[in-house]
Amino acid sequence: MAYFVFCGGLGQAIVTSAVFPTKTWTRVTVTHTAAKQAIIHWNGVAQTIVYAGGGASLSANKKSAMVWLPKEVTRKNNYVGKGPYANHKLFKGKMKDLLAQASGTRR
């Protein structure tokens, strides 16, 4: 699983090492603090990061990375389970809830 942040034409990414569980419910969260620390969690457990690219810097314990903060922008389309590029595969599975933390509204 990967988390990407793009700023203009440049991007940073962090990628976990584990294979995503199948046929089981998994709560996925990403925390990204004002201090630029990004962490991917599955069921509340921070996942090991094996790749931090684009200038992102990996923490010593490989559980977080320093990543740019996303800029606030107004978007025409926001995709969940679909990438912005034609060669990206669609998500296959079920999603129970999506929560927009910043606004506190469910989508």
C-alpha atoms as a PDB file:
ATOM      1  CA  MET A   1       0.000   0.000   0.000  1.00  0.00           C
ATOM      2  CA  ALA A   2       1.254   3.455  -0.824  1.00  0.00           C
ATOM      3  CA  TYR A   3       0.543   7.027   0.213  1.00  0.00           C
ATOM      4  CA  PHE A   4       1.432   9.770  -2.268  1.00  0.00           C
ATOM      5  CA  VAL A   5       1.570  13.549  -1.911  1.00  0.00           C
ATOM      6  CA  PHE A   6       2.022  15.680  -5.015  1.00  0.00           C
ATOM      7  CA  CYS A   7       3.141  19.296  -5.057  1.00  0.00           C
ATOM      8  CA  GLY A   8       3.059  20.736  -8.553  1.00  0.00           C
ATOM      9  CA  GLY A   9       4.835  18.261 -10.816  1.00  0.00           C
ATOM     10  CA  LEU A  10       6.787  16.669  -7.954  1.00  0.00           C
ATOM     11  CA  GLY A  11       5.647  13.852  -5.696  1.00  0.00           C
ATOM     12  CA  GLN A  12       6.635  12.027  -2.538  1.00  0.00           C
ATOM     13  CA  ALA A  13       5.563   8.517  -1.573  1.00  0.00           C
ATOM     14  CA  ILE A  14       5.755   5.996   1.221  1.00  0.00           C
ATOM     15  CA  VAL A  15       5.121   2.297   0.618  1.00  0.00           C
ATOM     16  CA  THR A  16       4.445  -0.465   3.157  1.00  0.00           C
ATOM     17  CA  SER A  17       6.186  -3.824   3.115  1.00  0.00           C
ATOM     18  CA  ALA A  18       3.285  -6.141   3.967  1.00  0.00           C
ATOM     19  CA  VAL A  19       0.851  -7.629   1.475  1.00  0.00           C
ATOM     20  CA  PHE A  20      -2.614  -6.199   2.074  1.00  0.00           C
ATOM     21  CA  PRO A  21      -4.933  -8.739   3.765  1.00  0.00           C
ATOM     22  CA  THR A  22      -7.655 -10.293   1.616  1.00  0.00           C
ATOM     23  CA  LYS A  23     -11.076 -11.641   2.547  1.00  0.00           C
ATOM     24  CA  THR A  24     -10.998  -9.863   5.890  1.00  0.00           C
ATOM     25  CA  TRP A  25     -12.150  -6.453   7.091  1.00  0.00           C
ATOM     26  CA  THR A  26      -9.192  -4.109   7.562  1.00  0.00           C
ATOM     27  CA  ARG A  27      -9.369  -0.559   8.853  1.00  0.00           C
ATOM     28  CA  VAL A  28      -6.873   1.570   6.925  1.00  0.00           C
ATOM     29  CA  THR A  29      -5.832   4.993   8.177  1.00  0.00           C
ATOM     30  CA  VAL A  30      -3.098   7.420   7.280  1.00  0.00           C
ATOM     31  CA  THR A  31      -2.045  10.034   9.771  1.00  0.00           C
ATOM     32  CA  HIS A  32      -0.180  13.029   8.451  1.00  0.00           C
ATOM     33  CA  THR A  33       0.662  15.570  11.132  1.00  0.00           C
ATOM     34  CA  ALA A  34       1.368  19.283  10.862  1.00  0.00           C
ATOM     35  CA  ALA A  35       4.996  18.305  11.626  1.00  0.00           C
ATOM     36  CA  LYS A  36       4.949  16.417   8.257  1.00  0.00           C
ATOM     37  CA  GLN A  37       5.127  12.920   9.821  1.00  0.00           C
ATOM     38  CA  ALA A  38       3.122  10.378   7.769  1.00  0.00           C
ATOM     39  CA  ILE A  39       2.164   6.906   9.044  1.00  0.00           C
ATOM     40  CA  ILE A  40       0.072   4.146   7.414  1.00  0.00           C
ATOM     41  CA  HIS A  41      -1.964   2.024   9.866  1.00  0.00           C
ATOM     42  CA  TRP A  42      -3.884  -1.234   9.370  1.00  0.00           C
ATOM     43  CA  ASN A  43      -6.266  -1.967  12.245  1.00  0.00           C
ATOM     44  CA  GLY A  44      -4.383   0.556  14.384  1.00  0.00           C
ATOM     45  CA  VAL A  45      -0.943  -0.978  13.782  1.00  0.00           C
ATOM     46  CA  ALA A  46       1.707   1.206  12.116  1.00  0.00           C
ATOM     47  CA  GLN A  47       3.037  -0.581   9.045  1.00  0.00           C
ATOM     48  CA  THR A  48       6.722  -0.861   8.196  1.00  0.00           C
ATOM     49  CA  ILE A  49       7.719   1.459   5.376  1.00  0.00           C
ATOM     50  CA  VAL A  50      10.144  -0.036   2.896  1.00  0.00           C
ATOM     51  CA  TYR A  51      10.255   2.859   0.437  1.00  0.00           C
ATOM     52  CA  ALA A  52      10.240   6.608   0.950  1.00  0.00           C
ATOM     53  CA  GLY A  53      10.704   8.322  -2.395  1.00  0.00           C
ATOM     54  CA  GLY A  54      10.825  11.791  -3.874  1.00  0.00           C
ATOM     55  CA  GLY A  55      12.870  13.192  -1.022  1.00  0.00           C
ATOM     56  CA  ALA A  56      10.669  11.791   1.772  1.00  0.00           C
ATOM     57  CA  SER A  57      12.869  10.795   4.692  1.00  0.00           C
ATOM     58  CA  LEU A  58      12.274   7.534   6.533  1.00  0.00           C
ATOM     59  CA  SER A  59      12.329   7.402  10.351  1.00  0.00           C
ATOM     60  CA  ALA A  60      14.889   5.214  12.121  1.00  0.00           C
ATOM     61  CA  ASN A  61      12.237   2.636  13.105  1.00  0.00           C
ATOM     62  CA  LYS A  62      10.779   2.602   9.544  1.00  0.00           C
ATOM     63  CA  LYS A  63       7.251   3.218  10.871  1.00  0.00           C
ATOM     64  CA  SER A  64       6.903   6.793   9.586  1.00  0.00           C
ATOM     65  CA  ALA A  65       8.409   9.252   7.141  1.00  0.00           C
ATOM     66  CA  MET A  66       8.703  12.993   6.750  1.00  0.00           C
ATOM     67  CA  VAL A  67       6.506  13.909   3.791  1.00  0.00           C
ATOM     68  CA  TRP A  68       5.323  17.282   2.451  1.00  0.00           C
ATOM     69  CA  LEU A  69       1.911  18.356   3.631  1.00  0.00           C
ATOM     70  CA  PRO A  70      -0.723  18.283   0.889  1.00  0.00           C
ATOM     71  CA  LYS A  71      -1.750  21.734  -0.281  1.00  0.00           C
ATOM     72  CA  GLU A  72      -5.345  22.766   0.147  1.00  0.00           C
ATOM     73  CA  VAL A  73      -6.944  22.817  -3.295  1.00  0.00           C
ATOM     74  CA  THR A  74     -10.428  22.681  -4.754  1.00  0.00           C
ATOM     75  CA  ARG A  75     -10.808  19.612  -6.947  1.00  0.00           C
ATOM     76  CA  LYS A  76     -13.349  18.753  -9.607  1.00  0.00           C
ATOM     77  CA  ASN A  77     -12.882  15.012  -8.939  1.00  0.00           C
ATOM     78  CA  ASN A  78     -11.719  13.148  -5.844  1.00  0.00           C
ATOM     79  CA  TYR A  79     -11.204   9.443  -6.428  1.00  0.00           C
ATOM     80  CA  VAL A  80     -11.354   6.677  -3.851  1.00  0.00           C
ATOM     81  CA  GLY A  81     -10.409   3.278  -5.219  1.00  0.00           C
ATOM     82  CA  LYS A  82      -9.475   4.742  -8.610  1.00  0.00           C
ATOM     83  CA  GLY A  83      -6.218   6.327  -9.651  1.00  0.00           C
ATOM     84  CA  PRO A  84      -5.970   9.388 -11.879  1.00  0.00           C
ATOM     85  CA  TYR A  85      -4.171   7.478 -14.647  1.00  0.00           C
ATOM     86  CA  ALA A  86      -5.636   5.060 -17.185  1.00  0.00           C
ATOM     87  CA  ASN A  87      -3.146   2.277 -16.337  1.00  0.00           C
ATOM     88  CA  HIS A  88      -4.150   2.227 -12.632  1.00  0.00           C
ATOM     89  CA  LYS A  89      -6.315  -0.719 -11.608  1.00  0.00           C
ATOM     90  CA  LEU A  90      -9.644  -0.147  -9.881  1.00  0.00           C
ATOM     91  CA  PHE A  91     -10.157  -1.179  -6.255  1.00  0.00           C
ATOM     92  CA  LYS A  92     -11.842  -4.567  -5.943  1.00  0.00           C
ATOM     93  CA  GLY A  93     -13.562  -5.036  -2.608  1.00  0.00           C
ATOM     94  CA  LYS A  94     -15.967  -3.337  -0.237  1.00  0.00           C
ATOM     95  CA  MET A  95     -15.649  -0.117   1.719  1.00  0.00           C
ATOM     96  CA  LYS A  96     -17.762   0.392   4.807  1.00  0.00           C
ATOM     97  CA  ASP A  97     -17.222   4.071   5.599  1.00  0.00           C
ATOM     98  CA  LEU A  98     -15.209   6.946   4.252  1.00  0.00           C
ATOM     99  CA  LEU A  99     -14.660   9.851   6.576  1.00  0.00           C
ATOM    100  CA  ALA A 100     -13.352  13.227   5.529  1.00  0.00           C
ATOM    101  CA  GLN A 101     -11.483  14.084   8.757  1.00  0.00           C
ATOM    102  CA  ALA A 102     -10.850  17.711   7.957  1.00  0.00           C
ATOM    103  CA  SER A 103     -14.519  18.551   7.510  1.00  0.00           C
ATOM    104  CA  GLY A 104     -15.900  15.843   9.791  1.00  0.00           C
ATOM    105  CA  THR A 105     -18.438  14.742   7.183  1.00  0.00           C
ATOM    106  CA  ARG A 106     -19.045  11.248   5.844  1.00  0.00           C
ATOM    107  CA  ARG A 107     -18.936  10.676   2.114  1.00  0.00           C
END
